[in-house]
Amino acid sequence: MGSFERDLRGLKIGQGEEALTGQLLPYALHFALVSRDEVPLARFAQDWGRAFADLPGWRPAWQKRQFDDQALFKTRRPPGWIG
């Protein structure tokens, strides 16, 4: 993932934000490589996300952890653990 982000940054440096406005726009938005002031579609995507962010079903429901990490730690002690 890091090399992909670096390649996108390099493309932006070499060709400007316009190079990221086509098929690469979702990735450019994810890595915050395009300006909402310069790219209208980026502005639309960010405004759309903000408008629907608080609606039910937009985000996955918070779930309580299914395991007790303290109990897991007690049963699987790291090498060199004293106790």
C-alpha atoms as a PDB file:
ATOM      1  CA  MET A   1       0.000   0.000   0.000  1.00  0.00           C
ATOM      2  CA  GLY A   2       2.855   2.363   0.787  1.00  0.00           C
ATOM      3  CA  SER A   3       4.446   1.980  -2.635  1.00  0.00           C
ATOM      4  CA  PHE A   4       1.093   2.641  -4.326  1.00  0.00           C
ATOM      5  CA  GLU A   5       0.667   5.833  -2.321  1.00  0.00           C
ATOM      6  CA  ARG A   6       4.220   6.890  -3.205  1.00  0.00           C
ATOM      7  CA  ASP A   7       3.504   6.271  -6.886  1.00  0.00           C
ATOM      8  CA  LEU A   8       0.357   8.394  -6.675  1.00  0.00           C
ATOM      9  CA  ARG A   9       2.297  11.184  -4.970  1.00  0.00           C
ATOM     10  CA  GLY A  10       4.935  10.976  -7.697  1.00  0.00           C
ATOM     11  CA  LEU A  11       2.255  11.173 -10.384  1.00  0.00           C
ATOM     12  CA  LYS A  12       0.788  14.251  -8.712  1.00  0.00           C
ATOM     13  CA  ILE A  13       4.203  15.902  -8.533  1.00  0.00           C
ATOM     14  CA  GLY A  14       4.996  15.060 -12.139  1.00  0.00           C
ATOM     15  CA  GLN A  15       1.638  15.767 -13.772  1.00  0.00           C
ATOM     16  CA  GLY A  16      -0.399  17.722 -11.211  1.00  0.00           C
ATOM     17  CA  GLU A  17      -3.734  16.946  -9.568  1.00  0.00           C
ATOM     18  CA  GLU A  18      -5.450  16.548 -12.938  1.00  0.00           C
ATOM     19  CA  ALA A  19      -3.654  13.219 -13.383  1.00  0.00           C
ATOM     20  CA  LEU A  20      -5.537  11.899 -10.340  1.00  0.00           C
ATOM     21  CA  THR A  21      -9.044  13.029 -11.307  1.00  0.00           C
ATOM     22  CA  GLY A  22     -10.018  10.063 -13.491  1.00  0.00           C
ATOM     23  CA  GLN A  23      -9.960   6.434 -12.436  1.00  0.00           C
ATOM     24  CA  LEU A  24      -7.432   7.205  -9.695  1.00  0.00           C
ATOM     25  CA  LEU A  25      -9.704   9.702  -7.918  1.00  0.00           C
ATOM     26  CA  PRO A  26     -11.002   7.272  -5.241  1.00  0.00           C
ATOM     27  CA  TYR A  27      -7.425   6.465  -4.242  1.00  0.00           C
ATOM     28  CA  ALA A  28      -6.381  10.118  -4.398  1.00  0.00           C
ATOM     29  CA  LEU A  29      -9.272  10.972  -2.068  1.00  0.00           C
ATOM     30  CA  HIS A  30      -8.310   8.174   0.309  1.00  0.00           C
ATOM     31  CA  PHE A  31      -4.733   9.433   0.549  1.00  0.00           C
ATOM     32  CA  ALA A  32      -5.808  13.121   0.588  1.00  0.00           C
ATOM     33  CA  LEU A  33      -3.862  13.901  -2.566  1.00  0.00           C
ATOM     34  CA  VAL A  34      -6.448  16.129  -4.232  1.00  0.00           C
ATOM     35  CA  SER A  35      -7.772  19.466  -3.097  1.00  0.00           C
ATOM     36  CA  ARG A  36     -11.514  19.959  -2.800  1.00  0.00           C
ATOM     37  CA  ASP A  37     -10.956  23.507  -4.035  1.00  0.00           C
ATOM     38  CA  GLU A  38      -9.266  22.379  -7.250  1.00  0.00           C
ATOM     39  CA  VAL A  39     -11.229  19.230  -8.120  1.00  0.00           C
ATOM     40  CA  PRO A  40     -15.029  19.636  -8.180  1.00  0.00           C
ATOM     41  CA  LEU A  41     -15.657  15.885  -8.031  1.00  0.00           C
ATOM     42  CA  ALA A  42     -13.529  15.683  -4.882  1.00  0.00           C
ATOM     43  CA  ARG A  43     -15.644  18.452  -3.344  1.00  0.00           C
ATOM     44  CA  PHE A  44     -18.814  16.558  -4.255  1.00  0.00           C
ATOM     45  CA  ALA A  45     -17.500  13.290  -2.766  1.00  0.00           C
ATOM     46  CA  GLN A  46     -16.491  14.940   0.505  1.00  0.00           C
ATOM     47  CA  ASP A  47     -19.783  16.845   0.815  1.00  0.00           C
ATOM     48  CA  TRP A  48     -21.751  13.679   0.049  1.00  0.00           C
ATOM     49  CA  GLY A  49     -19.855  11.763   2.729  1.00  0.00           C
ATOM     50  CA  ARG A  50     -20.495  14.480   5.291  1.00  0.00           C
ATOM     51  CA  ALA A  51     -24.199  14.685   4.422  1.00  0.00           C
ATOM     52  CA  PHE A  52     -24.806  10.969   4.945  1.00  0.00           C
ATOM     53  CA  ALA A  53     -22.282  10.177   7.682  1.00  0.00           C
ATOM     54  CA  ASP A  54     -24.759  10.378  10.562  1.00  0.00           C
ATOM     55  CA  LEU A  55     -27.588   8.396   8.972  1.00  0.00           C
ATOM     56  CA  PRO A  56     -28.384   4.943  10.373  1.00  0.00           C
ATOM     57  CA  GLY A  57     -26.695   2.148   8.482  1.00  0.00           C
ATOM     58  CA  TRP A  58     -23.987   4.349   7.017  1.00  0.00           C
ATOM     59  CA  ARG A  59     -21.336   3.084   9.415  1.00  0.00           C
ATOM     60  CA  PRO A  60     -21.076  -0.447  10.741  1.00  0.00           C
ATOM     61  CA  ALA A  61     -22.552  -0.889  14.202  1.00  0.00           C
ATOM     62  CA  TRP A  62     -20.026  -0.863  17.004  1.00  0.00           C
ATOM     63  CA  GLN A  63     -19.415  -4.369  18.273  1.00  0.00           C
ATOM     64  CA  LYS A  64     -18.062  -5.405  21.599  1.00  0.00           C
ATOM     65  CA  ARG A  65     -14.904  -7.474  21.339  1.00  0.00           C
ATOM     66  CA  GLN A  66     -15.581 -11.182  21.190  1.00  0.00           C
ATOM     67  CA  PHE A  67     -12.554 -12.176  23.238  1.00  0.00           C
ATOM     68  CA  ASP A  68     -10.790 -11.115  26.382  1.00  0.00           C
ATOM     69  CA  ASP A  69      -7.293 -10.022  25.415  1.00  0.00           C
ATOM     70  CA  GLN A  70      -6.127 -10.209  29.025  1.00  0.00           C
ATOM     71  CA  ALA A  71      -7.098 -13.882  29.203  1.00  0.00           C
ATOM     72  CA  LEU A  72      -5.390 -14.455  25.847  1.00  0.00           C
ATOM     73  CA  PHE A  73      -2.218 -12.795  27.139  1.00  0.00           C
ATOM     74  CA  LYS A  74      -2.215 -14.986  30.249  1.00  0.00           C
ATOM     75  CA  THR A  75      -2.431 -18.179  28.207  1.00  0.00           C
ATOM     76  CA  ARG A  76       0.045 -17.194  25.489  1.00  0.00           C
ATOM     77  CA  ARG A  77       2.945 -15.541  27.274  1.00  0.00           C
ATOM     78  CA  PRO A  78       5.698 -14.114  25.123  1.00  0.00           C
ATOM     79  CA  PRO A  79       9.147 -15.746  25.178  1.00  0.00           C
ATOM     80  CA  GLY A  80      11.210 -14.591  28.116  1.00  0.00           C
ATOM     81  CA  TRP A  81       8.153 -13.698  30.190  1.00  0.00           C
ATOM     82  CA  ILE A  82       8.736 -14.065  33.901  1.00  0.00           C
ATOM     83  CA  GLY A  83       5.721 -14.670  36.077  1.00  0.00           C
END
